[in-house]
C-alpha atoms as a PDB file:
ATOM      1  CA  MET A   1      56.207 -70.084   6.718  1.00  0.00           C
ATOM      2  CA  ALA A   2      54.110 -66.931   8.075  1.00  0.00           C
ATOM      3  CA  ILE A   3      54.917 -63.648   7.213  1.00  0.00           C
ATOM      4  CA  ARG A   4      54.737 -60.799   9.984  1.00  0.00           C
ATOM      5  CA  ILE A   5      53.372 -57.560   8.538  1.00  0.00           C
ATOM      6  CA  GLU A   6      56.477 -55.731  10.035  1.00  0.00           C
ATOM      7  CA  GLN A   7      58.729 -58.050   8.242  1.00  0.00           C
ATOM      8  CA  ALA A   8      56.440 -56.818   4.836  1.00  0.00           C
ATOM      9  CA  TYR A   9      56.984 -52.938   5.908  1.00  0.00           C
ATOM     10  CA  PHE A  10      60.605 -53.207   6.799  1.00  0.00           C
ATOM     11  CA  SER A  11      61.311 -55.267   3.225  1.00  0.00           C
ATOM     12  CA  THR A  12      59.180 -52.679   1.297  1.00  0.00           C
ATOM     13  CA  ILE A  13      60.175 -49.725   3.242  1.00  0.00           C
ATOM     14  CA  THR A  14      64.345 -50.356   2.745  1.00  0.00           C
ATOM     15  CA  SER A  15      63.323 -51.613  -1.067  1.00  0.00           C
ATOM     16  CA  LEU A  16      61.793 -48.515  -2.005  1.00  0.00           C
ATOM     17  CA  ALA A  17      64.747 -46.010   0.296  1.00  0.00           C
ATOM     18  CA  GLU A  18      67.398 -48.287  -1.629  1.00  0.00           C
ATOM     19  CA  LYS A  19      65.515 -47.194  -5.210  1.00  0.00           C
ATOM     20  CA  GLY A  20      66.262 -43.304  -4.896  1.00  0.00           C
ATOM     21  CA  PRO A  21      64.527 -40.487  -2.569  1.00  0.00           C
ATOM     22  CA  CYS A  22      60.820 -41.292  -1.031  1.00  0.00           C
ATOM     23  CA  ILE A  23      58.544 -40.253   1.698  1.00  0.00           C
ATOM     24  CA  ILE A  24      57.503 -42.370   4.193  1.00  0.00           C
ATOM     25  CA  VAL A  25      55.068 -41.733   6.658  1.00  0.00           C
ATOM     26  CA  GLY A  26      54.895 -43.810  10.182  1.00  0.00           C
ATOM     27  CA  ARG A  27      55.661 -47.569  10.267  1.00  0.00           C
ATOM     28  CA  CYS A  28      59.021 -46.965  12.423  1.00  0.00           C
ATOM     29  CA  ALA A  29      60.793 -46.276   9.130  1.00  0.00           C
ATOM     30  CA  ASP A  30      63.022 -43.667  11.158  1.00  0.00           C
ATOM     31  CA  TYR A  31      63.960 -47.156  12.987  1.00  0.00           C
ATOM     32  CA  MET A  32      64.224 -49.402   9.802  1.00  0.00           C
ATOM     33  CA  LEU A  33      66.740 -47.204   7.954  1.00  0.00           C
ATOM     34  CA  LYS A  34      68.400 -46.122  10.913  1.00  0.00           C
ATOM     35  CA  GLU A  35      71.430 -47.217   8.974  1.00  0.00           C
ATOM     36  CA  ASN A  36      70.781 -45.639   5.396  1.00  0.00           C
ATOM     37  CA  GLU A  37      72.935 -42.263   5.517  1.00  0.00           C
ATOM     38  CA  ASN A  38      70.291 -40.382   3.181  1.00  0.00           C
ATOM     39  CA  ARG A  39      67.353 -40.662   6.487  1.00  0.00           C
ATOM     40  CA  ILE A  40      66.272 -37.843   7.074  1.00  0.00           C
ATOM     41  CA  SER A  41      63.449 -38.698   9.842  1.00  0.00           C
ATOM     42  CA  PHE A  42      60.721 -35.835  11.592  1.00  0.00           C
ATOM     43  CA  PHE A  43      58.306 -35.883  14.347  1.00  0.00           C
ATOM     44  CA  ILE A  44      55.323 -33.764  13.739  1.00  0.00           C
ATOM     45  CA  THR A  45      52.972 -33.045  17.038  1.00  0.00           C
ATOM     46  CA  ALA A  46      50.340 -30.644  17.597  1.00  0.00           C
ATOM     47  CA  ASP A  47      49.029 -29.162  20.437  1.00  0.00           C
ATOM     48  CA  GLU A  48      46.085 -30.379  21.809  1.00  0.00           C
ATOM     49  CA  LYS A  49      42.956 -28.238  21.690  1.00  0.00           C
ATOM     50  CA  LYS A  50      43.750 -27.587  17.777  1.00  0.00           C
ATOM     51  CA  LYS A  51      44.063 -31.631  17.037  1.00  0.00           C
ATOM     52  CA  ILE A  52      40.555 -31.708  18.536  1.00  0.00           C
ATOM     53  CA  ALA A  53      39.286 -28.937  16.671  1.00  0.00           C
ATOM     54  CA  ARG A  54      41.573 -30.359  13.660  1.00  0.00           C
ATOM     55  CA  ILE A  55      39.287 -33.967  14.514  1.00  0.00           C
ATOM     56  CA  LYS A  56      36.512 -32.168  15.125  1.00  0.00           C
ATOM     57  CA  LYS A  57      36.192 -30.079  11.600  1.00  0.00           C
ATOM     58  CA  LYS A  58      37.699 -33.764   9.507  1.00  0.00           C
ATOM     59  CA  TYR A  59      35.228 -35.945  10.710  1.00  0.00           C
ATOM     60  CA  GLY A  60      32.328 -34.156  11.837  1.00  0.00           C
ATOM     61  CA  VAL A  61      32.214 -35.612  15.825  1.00  0.00           C
ATOM     62  CA  THR A  62      31.639 -34.585  18.862  1.00  0.00           C
ATOM     63  CA  GLU A  63      34.587 -32.868  21.287  1.00  0.00           C
ATOM     64  CA  THR A  64      34.305 -35.924  23.617  1.00  0.00           C
ATOM     65  CA  GLU A  65      34.650 -38.253  20.643  1.00  0.00           C
ATOM     66  CA  ALA A  66      37.664 -36.295  18.861  1.00  0.00           C
ATOM     67  CA  VAL A  67      39.161 -36.707  21.999  1.00  0.00           C
ATOM     68  CA  LYS A  68      38.730 -39.968  22.590  1.00  0.00           C
ATOM     69  CA  MET A  69      40.372 -40.856  18.488  1.00  0.00           C
ATOM     70  CA  ILE A  70      43.496 -39.181  19.266  1.00  0.00           C
ATOM     71  CA  ASN A  71      43.730 -40.858  22.292  1.00  0.00           C
ATOM     72  CA  LYS A  72      43.236 -44.339  20.894  1.00  0.00           C
ATOM     73  CA  ASN A  73      45.282 -43.515  17.425  1.00  0.00           C
ATOM     74  CA  ASP A  74      48.125 -42.006  19.750  1.00  0.00           C
ATOM     75  CA  ARG A  75      48.594 -44.955  21.955  1.00  0.00           C
ATOM     76  CA  ASN A  76      48.307 -47.295  18.925  1.00  0.00           C
ATOM     77  CA  ARG A  77      51.212 -45.200  17.158  1.00  0.00           C
ATOM     78  CA  SER A  78      52.687 -45.769  21.152  1.00  0.00           C
ATOM     79  CA  ASN A  79      52.587 -49.579  21.166  1.00  0.00           C
ATOM     80  CA  TYR A  80      53.951 -50.121  18.049  1.00  0.00           C
ATOM     81  CA  TYR A  81      56.886 -47.630  18.175  1.00  0.00           C
ATOM     82  CA  LYS A  82      57.856 -49.386  20.927  1.00  0.00           C
ATOM     83  CA  SER A  83      56.863 -52.749  20.030  1.00  0.00           C
ATOM     84  CA  ILE A  84      59.241 -52.377  17.207  1.00  0.00           C
ATOM     85  CA  THR A  85      61.908 -50.344  18.146  1.00  0.00           C
ATOM     86  CA  GLY A  86      62.024 -50.976  22.186  1.00  0.00           C
ATOM     87  CA  LYS A  87      61.730 -46.445  22.587  1.00  0.00           C
ATOM     88  CA  THR A  88      59.123 -44.496  23.067  1.00  0.00           C
ATOM     89  CA  TRP A  89      57.242 -42.610  20.503  1.00  0.00           C
ATOM     90  CA  GLY A  90      57.719 -38.878  19.830  1.00  0.00           C
ATOM     91  CA  MET A  91      61.021 -39.047  22.240  1.00  0.00           C
ATOM     92  CA  ALA A  92      62.819 -35.797  20.344  1.00  0.00           C
ATOM     93  CA  GLU A  93      65.709 -37.959  20.457  1.00  0.00           C
ATOM     94  CA  ASN A  94      64.498 -40.580  18.287  1.00  0.00           C
ATOM     95  CA  TYR A  95      63.944 -38.275  15.409  1.00  0.00           C
ATOM     96  CA  ASP A  96      66.439 -35.987  13.671  1.00  0.00           C
ATOM     97  CA  PHE A  97      63.692 -33.269  13.398  1.00  0.00           C
ATOM     98  CA  CYS A  98      60.674 -32.843  15.265  1.00  0.00           C
ATOM     99  CA  ILE A  99      58.337 -29.621  14.607  1.00  0.00           C
ATOM    100  CA  CYS A 100      55.054 -28.763  16.007  1.00  0.00           C
ATOM    101  CA  SER A 101      52.465 -27.362  13.384  1.00  0.00           C
ATOM    102  CA  SER A 102      50.459 -26.196  15.861  1.00  0.00           C
ATOM    103  CA  TYR A 103      52.805 -22.734  15.199  1.00  0.00           C
ATOM    104  CA  TYR A 104      52.760 -22.796  12.069  1.00  0.00           C
ATOM    105  CA  GLY A 105      49.960 -24.383  10.758  1.00  0.00           C
ATOM    106  CA  ILE A 106      49.429 -27.711   8.184  1.00  0.00           C
ATOM    107  CA  ASP A 107      51.004 -25.978   4.943  1.00  0.00           C
ATOM    108  CA  SER A 108      53.940 -24.242   6.346  1.00  0.00           C
ATOM    109  CA  THR A 109      54.835 -26.672   7.816  1.00  0.00           C
ATOM    110  CA  VAL A 110      55.111 -28.801   4.363  1.00  0.00           C
ATOM    111  CA  GLU A 111      57.290 -25.925   3.600  1.00  0.00           C
ATOM    112  CA  ILE A 112      59.544 -25.815   6.497  1.00  0.00           C
ATOM    113  CA  ILE A 113      60.167 -29.651   6.277  1.00  0.00           C
ATOM    114  CA  THR A 114      60.955 -29.158   2.474  1.00  0.00           C
ATOM    115  CA  LYS A 115      63.278 -26.554   2.702  1.00  0.00           C
ATOM    116  CA  LEU A 116      64.853 -28.985   5.283  1.00  0.00           C
ATOM    117  CA  ILE A 117      64.943 -31.881   2.890  1.00  0.00           C
END
């Protein structure tokens, strides 16, 4: 019998959470662990201009290519989240905390999240 990748994610994520503190980025972990009383979920976003600049610098691409990459990744994330949860990716009500890393920078965003945890 074939196992769906989402079932494998669910099994792995719940197993890790049962073993103790862990950080899981993406994979709808906020939804998969919604019944876990120790779960804290974050949605990190950024200003479009800063996302474009970061992608251009990181991958050495043009602005047009960066926009295409961002749009494709965001569309894939949104579709995946919707298919698993039935909810809209990025909506504040789906998370415990939402933070815009553009305002604080990546290092300070990490520091803020660490303090919240």
